[in-house]
Amino acid sequence: SGGRENDLVPSTVARCYDFREPGDYLGNVGYEVDFRMFANGVADHLVLDYGDFAVAGRLSRLEPLTEPGC
């Protein structure tokens, strides 16, 4: 936000769940993963929520890889 380059790249917010038991989709979640994924493959705003505690990740640096020669 606030003029950063990724503000100009289309993105989507994703929330993924891992259920404790296969086929149990009624709220018995083992953990949740939330993140924003940009069209250029960069992800930020990562949150891993395990119910009893959560871990947040923040993109602090981005180093582009050099393109390999042909």
PDB file of N, CA and C in Angstrom:
ATOM      1  N   SER A   1       0.832  -1.194   0.000  1.00  0.00           N
ATOM      2  CA  SER A   1       0.000   0.000   0.000  1.00  0.00           C
ATOM      3  C   SER A   1       0.861   1.237   0.000  1.00  0.00           C
ATOM      4  N   GLY A   2       0.293   2.353  -0.441  1.00  0.00           N
ATOM      5  CA  GLY A   2       0.994   3.623  -0.385  1.00  0.00           C
ATOM      6  C   GLY A   2       2.109   3.775  -1.386  1.00  0.00           C
ATOM      7  N   GLY A   3       1.863   3.417  -2.654  1.00  0.00           N
ATOM      8  CA  GLY A   3       2.832   3.683  -3.699  1.00  0.00           C
ATOM      9  C   GLY A   3       3.828   2.573  -3.958  1.00  0.00           C
ATOM     10  N   ARG A   4       3.714   1.461  -3.302  1.00  0.00           N
ATOM     11  CA  ARG A   4       4.633   0.365  -3.587  1.00  0.00           C
ATOM     12  C   ARG A   4       4.300  -0.240  -4.942  1.00  0.00           C
ATOM     13  N   GLU A   5       5.289  -0.815  -5.578  1.00  0.00           N
ATOM     14  CA  GLU A   5       5.130  -1.347  -6.933  1.00  0.00           C
ATOM     15  C   GLU A   5       4.047  -2.416  -7.020  1.00  0.00           C
ATOM     16  N   ASN A   6       3.915  -3.288  -6.017  1.00  0.00           N
ATOM     17  CA  ASN A   6       2.914  -4.354  -6.073  1.00  0.00           C
ATOM     18  C   ASN A   6       1.494  -3.837  -6.023  1.00  0.00           C
ATOM     19  N   ASP A   7       1.282  -2.574  -5.630  1.00  0.00           N
ATOM     20  CA  ASP A   7      -0.069  -2.015  -5.646  1.00  0.00           C
ATOM     21  C   ASP A   7      -0.606  -1.928  -7.069  1.00  0.00           C
ATOM     22  N   LEU A   8       0.277  -1.980  -8.068  1.00  0.00           N
ATOM     23  CA  LEU A   8      -0.125  -1.874  -9.466  1.00  0.00           C
ATOM     24  C   LEU A   8      -0.319  -3.243 -10.118  1.00  0.00           C
ATOM     25  N   VAL A   9       0.030  -4.313  -9.419  1.00  0.00           N
ATOM     26  CA  VAL A   9      -0.076  -5.666  -9.955  1.00  0.00           C
ATOM     27  C   VAL A   9      -1.380  -6.291  -9.454  1.00  0.00           C
ATOM     28  N   PRO A  10      -2.187  -6.879 -10.351  1.00  0.00           N
ATOM     29  CA  PRO A  10      -3.421  -7.535  -9.897  1.00  0.00           C
ATOM     30  C   PRO A  10      -3.111  -8.623  -8.861  1.00  0.00           C
ATOM     31  N   SER A  11      -4.000  -8.764  -7.890  1.00  0.00           N
ATOM     32  CA  SER A  11      -3.787  -9.769  -6.847  1.00  0.00           C
ATOM     33  C   SER A  11      -5.115 -10.364  -6.409  1.00  0.00           C
ATOM     34  N   THR A  12      -5.022 -11.475  -5.694  1.00  0.00           N
ATOM     35  CA  THR A  12      -6.197 -12.111  -5.106  1.00  0.00           C
ATOM     36  C   THR A  12      -5.833 -12.584  -3.709  1.00  0.00           C
ATOM     37  N   VAL A  13      -6.809 -12.589  -2.833  1.00  0.00           N
ATOM     38  CA  VAL A  13      -6.609 -13.080  -1.473  1.00  0.00           C
ATOM     39  C   VAL A  13      -7.104 -14.518  -1.412  1.00  0.00           C
ATOM     40  N   ALA A  14      -6.316 -15.390  -0.807  1.00  0.00           N
ATOM     41  CA  ALA A  14      -6.673 -16.804  -0.715  1.00  0.00           C
ATOM     42  C   ALA A  14      -6.727 -17.236   0.743  1.00  0.00           C
ATOM     43  N   ARG A  15      -7.636 -18.133   1.025  1.00  0.00           N
ATOM     44  CA  ARG A  15      -7.734 -18.762   2.352  1.00  0.00           C
ATOM     45  C   ARG A  15      -7.867 -20.261   2.118  1.00  0.00           C
ATOM     46  N   CYS A  16      -6.945 -21.010   2.671  1.00  0.00           N
ATOM     47  CA  CYS A  16      -6.937 -22.463   2.525  1.00  0.00           C
ATOM     48  C   CYS A  16      -7.101 -23.097   3.901  1.00  0.00           C
ATOM     49  N   TYR A  17      -7.756 -24.228   3.939  1.00  0.00           N
ATOM     50  CA  TYR A  17      -8.012 -24.935   5.189  1.00  0.00           C
ATOM     51  C   TYR A  17      -7.469 -26.347   5.104  1.00  0.00           C
ATOM     52  N   ASP A  18      -7.015 -26.852   6.216  1.00  0.00           N
ATOM     53  CA  ASP A  18      -6.681 -28.263   6.333  1.00  0.00           C
ATOM     54  C   ASP A  18      -7.562 -28.828   7.437  1.00  0.00           C
ATOM     55  N   PHE A  19      -8.422 -29.762   7.081  1.00  0.00           N
ATOM     56  CA  PHE A  19      -9.348 -30.340   8.046  1.00  0.00           C
ATOM     57  C   PHE A  19      -8.693 -31.509   8.762  1.00  0.00           C
ATOM     58  N   ARG A  20      -9.021 -31.668  10.022  1.00  0.00           N
ATOM     59  CA  ARG A  20      -8.402 -32.702  10.859  1.00  0.00           C
ATOM     60  C   ARG A  20      -8.693 -34.111  10.350  1.00  0.00           C
ATOM     61  N   GLU A  21      -9.891 -34.328   9.856  1.00  0.00           N
ATOM     62  CA  GLU A  21     -10.280 -35.643   9.361  1.00  0.00           C
ATOM     63  C   GLU A  21     -10.685 -35.534   7.893  1.00  0.00           C
ATOM     64  N   PRO A  22     -10.260 -36.448   7.026  1.00  0.00           N
ATOM     65  CA  PRO A  22     -10.688 -36.406   5.620  1.00  0.00           C
ATOM     66  C   PRO A  22     -12.212 -36.413   5.509  1.00  0.00           C
ATOM     67  N   GLY A  23     -12.752 -35.513   4.718  1.00  0.00           N
ATOM     68  CA  GLY A  23     -14.191 -35.439   4.503  1.00  0.00           C
ATOM     69  C   GLY A  23     -14.949 -34.664   5.561  1.00  0.00           C
ATOM     70  N   ASP A  24     -14.281 -34.180   6.613  1.00  0.00           N
ATOM     71  CA  ASP A  24     -14.943 -33.421   7.682  1.00  0.00           C
ATOM     72  C   ASP A  24     -14.869 -31.939   7.344  1.00  0.00           C
ATOM     73  N   TYR A  25     -15.909 -31.432   6.694  1.00  0.00           N
ATOM     74  CA  TYR A  25     -15.928 -30.035   6.263  1.00  0.00           C
ATOM     75  C   TYR A  25     -16.892 -29.206   7.099  1.00  0.00           C
ATOM     76  N   LEU A  26     -17.131 -29.602   8.342  1.00  0.00           N
ATOM     77  CA  LEU A  26     -18.104 -28.918   9.189  1.00  0.00           C
ATOM     78  C   LEU A  26     -17.440 -28.042  10.246  1.00  0.00           C
ATOM     79  N   GLY A  27     -16.248 -27.567   9.985  1.00  0.00           N
ATOM     80  CA  GLY A  27     -15.615 -26.631  10.900  1.00  0.00           C
ATOM     81  C   GLY A  27     -14.534 -27.214  11.788  1.00  0.00           C
ATOM     82  N   ASN A  28     -14.218 -28.478  11.647  1.00  0.00           N
ATOM     83  CA  ASN A  28     -13.155 -29.092  12.434  1.00  0.00           C
ATOM     84  C   ASN A  28     -11.820 -28.866  11.722  1.00  0.00           C
ATOM     85  N   VAL A  29     -11.386 -27.611  11.720  1.00  0.00           N
ATOM     86  CA  VAL A  29     -10.219 -27.197  10.949  1.00  0.00           C
ATOM     87  C   VAL A  29      -8.947 -27.423  11.758  1.00  0.00           C
ATOM     88  N   GLY A  30      -7.956 -28.051  11.133  1.00  0.00           N
ATOM     89  CA  GLY A  30      -6.651 -28.224  11.762  1.00  0.00           C
ATOM     90  C   GLY A  30      -5.863 -26.930  11.744  1.00  0.00           C
ATOM     91  N   TYR A  31      -5.835 -26.272  10.588  1.00  0.00           N
ATOM     92  CA  TYR A  31      -5.193 -24.963  10.476  1.00  0.00           C
ATOM     93  C   TYR A  31      -5.717 -24.242   9.249  1.00  0.00           C
ATOM     94  N   GLU A  32      -5.494 -22.927   9.209  1.00  0.00           N
ATOM     95  CA  GLU A  32      -5.872 -22.088   8.071  1.00  0.00           C
ATOM     96  C   GLU A  32      -4.633 -21.355   7.576  1.00  0.00           C
ATOM     97  N   VAL A  33      -4.566 -21.139   6.279  1.00  0.00           N
ATOM     98  CA  VAL A  33      -3.497 -20.363   5.664  1.00  0.00           C
ATOM     99  C   VAL A  33      -4.152 -19.255   4.852  1.00  0.00           C
ATOM    100  N   ASP A  34      -3.806 -18.019   5.149  1.00  0.00           N
ATOM    101  CA  ASP A  34      -4.303 -16.858   4.407  1.00  0.00           C
ATOM    102  C   ASP A  34      -3.114 -16.149   3.769  1.00  0.00           C
ATOM    103  N   PHE A  35      -3.291 -15.677   2.538  1.00  0.00           N
ATOM    104  CA  PHE A  35      -2.235 -14.909   1.885  1.00  0.00           C
ATOM    105  C   PHE A  35      -2.815 -14.148   0.707  1.00  0.00           C
ATOM    106  N   ARG A  36      -2.058 -13.156   0.238  1.00  0.00           N
ATOM    107  CA  ARG A  36      -2.410 -12.432  -0.984  1.00  0.00           C
ATOM    108  C   ARG A  36      -1.391 -12.838  -2.036  1.00  0.00           C
ATOM    109  N   MET A  37      -1.887 -13.298  -3.200  1.00  0.00           N
ATOM    110  CA  MET A  37      -1.018 -13.734  -4.294  1.00  0.00           C
ATOM    111  C   MET A  37      -1.163 -12.767  -5.458  1.00  0.00           C
ATOM    112  N   PHE A  38      -0.039 -12.251  -5.916  1.00  0.00           N
ATOM    113  CA  PHE A  38      -0.027 -11.333  -7.045  1.00  0.00           C
ATOM    114  C   PHE A  38       0.127 -12.094  -8.357  1.00  0.00           C
ATOM    115  N   ALA A  39      -0.296 -11.484  -9.441  1.00  0.00           N
ATOM    116  CA  ALA A  39      -0.214 -12.098 -10.768  1.00  0.00           C
ATOM    117  C   ALA A  39       1.230 -12.411 -11.162  1.00  0.00           C
ATOM    118  N   ASN A  40       2.190 -11.711 -10.554  1.00  0.00           N
ATOM    119  CA  ASN A  40       3.601 -11.955 -10.870  1.00  0.00           C
ATOM    120  C   ASN A  40       4.209 -13.074 -10.021  1.00  0.00           C
ATOM    121  N   GLY A  41       3.380 -13.771  -9.213  1.00  0.00           N
ATOM    122  CA  GLY A  41       3.852 -14.898  -8.419  1.00  0.00           C
ATOM    123  C   GLY A  41       4.344 -14.549  -7.031  1.00  0.00           C
ATOM    124  N   VAL A  42       4.357 -13.280  -6.678  1.00  0.00           N
ATOM    125  CA  VAL A  42       4.789 -12.848  -5.349  1.00  0.00           C
ATOM    126  C   VAL A  42       3.609 -12.954  -4.384  1.00  0.00           C
ATOM    127  N   ALA A  43       3.857 -13.469  -3.187  1.00  0.00           N
ATOM    128  CA  ALA A  43       2.813 -13.565  -2.162  1.00  0.00           C
ATOM    129  C   ALA A  43       3.226 -12.748  -0.941  1.00  0.00           C
ATOM    130  N   ASP A  44       2.229 -12.129  -0.297  1.00  0.00           N
ATOM    131  CA  ASP A  44       2.503 -11.422   0.955  1.00  0.00           C
ATOM    132  C   ASP A  44       1.317 -11.584   1.892  1.00  0.00           C
ATOM    133  N   HIS A  45       1.379 -10.959   3.022  1.00  0.00           N
ATOM    134  CA  HIS A  45       0.323 -11.029   4.046  1.00  0.00           C
ATOM    135  C   HIS A  45      -0.006 -12.476   4.408  1.00  0.00           C
ATOM    136  N   LEU A  46       1.016 -13.260   4.672  1.00  0.00           N
ATOM    137  CA  LEU A  46       0.847 -14.670   5.017  1.00  0.00           C
ATOM    138  C   LEU A  46       0.468 -14.816   6.486  1.00  0.00           C
ATOM    139  N   VAL A  47      -0.583 -15.579   6.763  1.00  0.00           N
ATOM    140  CA  VAL A  47      -0.979 -15.903   8.136  1.00  0.00           C
ATOM    141  C   VAL A  47      -1.239 -17.405   8.214  1.00  0.00           C
ATOM    142  N   LEU A  48      -0.569 -18.067   9.142  1.00  0.00           N
ATOM    143  CA  LEU A  48      -0.804 -19.474   9.446  1.00  0.00           C
ATOM    144  C   LEU A  48      -1.509 -19.513  10.793  1.00  0.00           C
ATOM    145  N   ASP A  49      -2.762 -19.943  10.803  1.00  0.00           N
ATOM    146  CA  ASP A  49      -3.571 -19.949  12.024  1.00  0.00           C
ATOM    147  C   ASP A  49      -3.821 -21.393  12.445  1.00  0.00           C
ATOM    148  N   TYR A  50      -3.254 -21.766  13.587  1.00  0.00           N
ATOM    149  CA  TYR A  50      -3.383 -23.127  14.100  1.00  0.00           C
ATOM    150  C   TYR A  50      -4.448 -23.245  15.190  1.00  0.00           C
ATOM    151  N   GLY A  51      -5.251 -22.215  15.371  1.00  0.00           N
ATOM    152  CA  GLY A  51      -6.303 -22.241  16.384  1.00  0.00           C
ATOM    153  C   GLY A  51      -5.807 -21.763  17.730  1.00  0.00           C
ATOM    154  N   ASP A  52      -4.836 -22.466  18.320  1.00  0.00           N
ATOM    155  CA  ASP A  52      -4.276 -22.061  19.607  1.00  0.00           C
ATOM    156  C   ASP A  52      -3.293 -20.909  19.469  1.00  0.00           C
ATOM    157  N   PHE A  53      -2.687 -20.781  18.305  1.00  0.00           N
ATOM    158  CA  PHE A  53      -1.769 -19.677  18.032  1.00  0.00           C
ATOM    159  C   PHE A  53      -1.726 -19.442  16.530  1.00  0.00           C
ATOM    160  N   ALA A  54      -1.237 -18.273  16.147  1.00  0.00           N
ATOM    161  CA  ALA A  54      -1.116 -17.919  14.727  1.00  0.00           C
ATOM    162  C   ALA A  54       0.257 -17.312  14.484  1.00  0.00           C
ATOM    163  N   VAL A  55       0.744 -17.478  13.275  1.00  0.00           N
ATOM    164  CA  VAL A  55       2.021 -16.916  12.855  1.00  0.00           C
ATOM    165  C   VAL A  55       1.758 -16.039  11.644  1.00  0.00           C
ATOM    166  N   ALA A  56       2.268 -14.810  11.675  1.00  0.00           N
ATOM    167  CA  ALA A  56       2.094 -13.887  10.548  1.00  0.00           C
ATOM    168  C   ALA A  56       3.439 -13.674   9.866  1.00  0.00           C
ATOM    169  N   GLY A  57       3.407 -13.642   8.539  1.00  0.00           N
ATOM    170  CA  GLY A  57       4.606 -13.367   7.764  1.00  0.00           C
ATOM    171  C   GLY A  57       4.432 -12.089   6.973  1.00  0.00           C
ATOM    172  N   ARG A  58       5.521 -11.375   6.802  1.00  0.00           N
ATOM    173  CA  ARG A  58       5.477 -10.122   6.062  1.00  0.00           C
ATOM    174  C   ARG A  58       6.632 -10.116   5.071  1.00  0.00           C
ATOM    175  N   LEU A  59       6.332  -9.747   3.834  1.00  0.00           N
ATOM    176  CA  LEU A  59       7.370  -9.637   2.813  1.00  0.00           C
ATOM    177  C   LEU A  59       8.193  -8.390   3.105  1.00  0.00           C
ATOM    178  N   SER A  60       9.460  -8.576   3.422  1.00  0.00           N
ATOM    179  CA  SER A  60      10.305  -7.432   3.768  1.00  0.00           C
ATOM    180  C   SER A  60      11.332  -7.109   2.689  1.00  0.00           C
ATOM    181  N   ARG A  61      11.608  -8.071   1.824  1.00  0.00           N
ATOM    182  CA  ARG A  61      12.588  -7.838   0.771  1.00  0.00           C
ATOM    183  C   ARG A  61      12.266  -8.753  -0.398  1.00  0.00           C
ATOM    184  N   LEU A  62      12.494  -8.266  -1.593  1.00  0.00           N
ATOM    185  CA  LEU A  62      12.266  -9.052  -2.801  1.00  0.00           C
ATOM    186  C   LEU A  62      13.493  -8.923  -3.682  1.00  0.00           C
ATOM    187  N   GLU A  63      14.119 -10.050  -3.971  1.00  0.00           N
ATOM    188  CA  GLU A  63      15.298 -10.055  -4.825  1.00  0.00           C
ATOM    189  C   GLU A  63      14.982 -10.838  -6.089  1.00  0.00           C
ATOM    190  N   PRO A  64      14.821 -10.158  -7.221  1.00  0.00           N
ATOM    191  CA  PRO A  64      14.522 -10.880  -8.461  1.00  0.00           C
ATOM    192  C   PRO A  64      15.708 -11.753  -8.877  1.00  0.00           C
ATOM    193  N   LEU A  65      15.393 -12.929  -9.389  1.00  0.00           N
ATOM    194  CA  LEU A  65      16.425 -13.825  -9.893  1.00  0.00           C
ATOM    195  C   LEU A  65      16.850 -13.373 -11.278  1.00  0.00           C
ATOM    196  N   THR A  66      18.111 -13.588 -11.602  1.00  0.00           N
ATOM    197  CA  THR A  66      18.565 -13.257 -12.949  1.00  0.00           C
ATOM    198  C   THR A  66      18.046 -14.315 -13.903  1.00  0.00           C
ATOM    199  N   GLU A  67      17.691 -13.888 -15.097  1.00  0.00           N
ATOM    200  CA  GLU A  67      17.182 -14.825 -16.093  1.00  0.00           C
ATOM    201  C   GLU A  67      18.342 -15.623 -16.668  1.00  0.00           C
ATOM    202  N   PRO A  68      18.189 -16.945 -16.758  1.00  0.00           N
ATOM    203  CA  PRO A  68      19.268 -17.747 -17.335  1.00  0.00           C
ATOM    204  C   PRO A  68      19.396 -17.477 -18.833  1.00  0.00           C
ATOM    205  N   GLY A  69      20.597 -17.558 -19.329  1.00  0.00           N
ATOM    206  CA  GLY A  69      20.822 -17.390 -20.759  1.00  0.00           C
ATOM    207  C   GLY A  69      20.364 -18.613 -21.532  1.00  0.00           C
ATOM    208  N   CYS A  70      20.129 -18.429 -22.821  1.00  0.00           N
ATOM    209  CA  CYS A  70      19.694 -19.554 -23.662  1.00  0.00           C
ATOM    210  C   CYS A  70      20.857 -20.409 -24.066  1.00  0.00           C
TER     211      CYS A  70
END
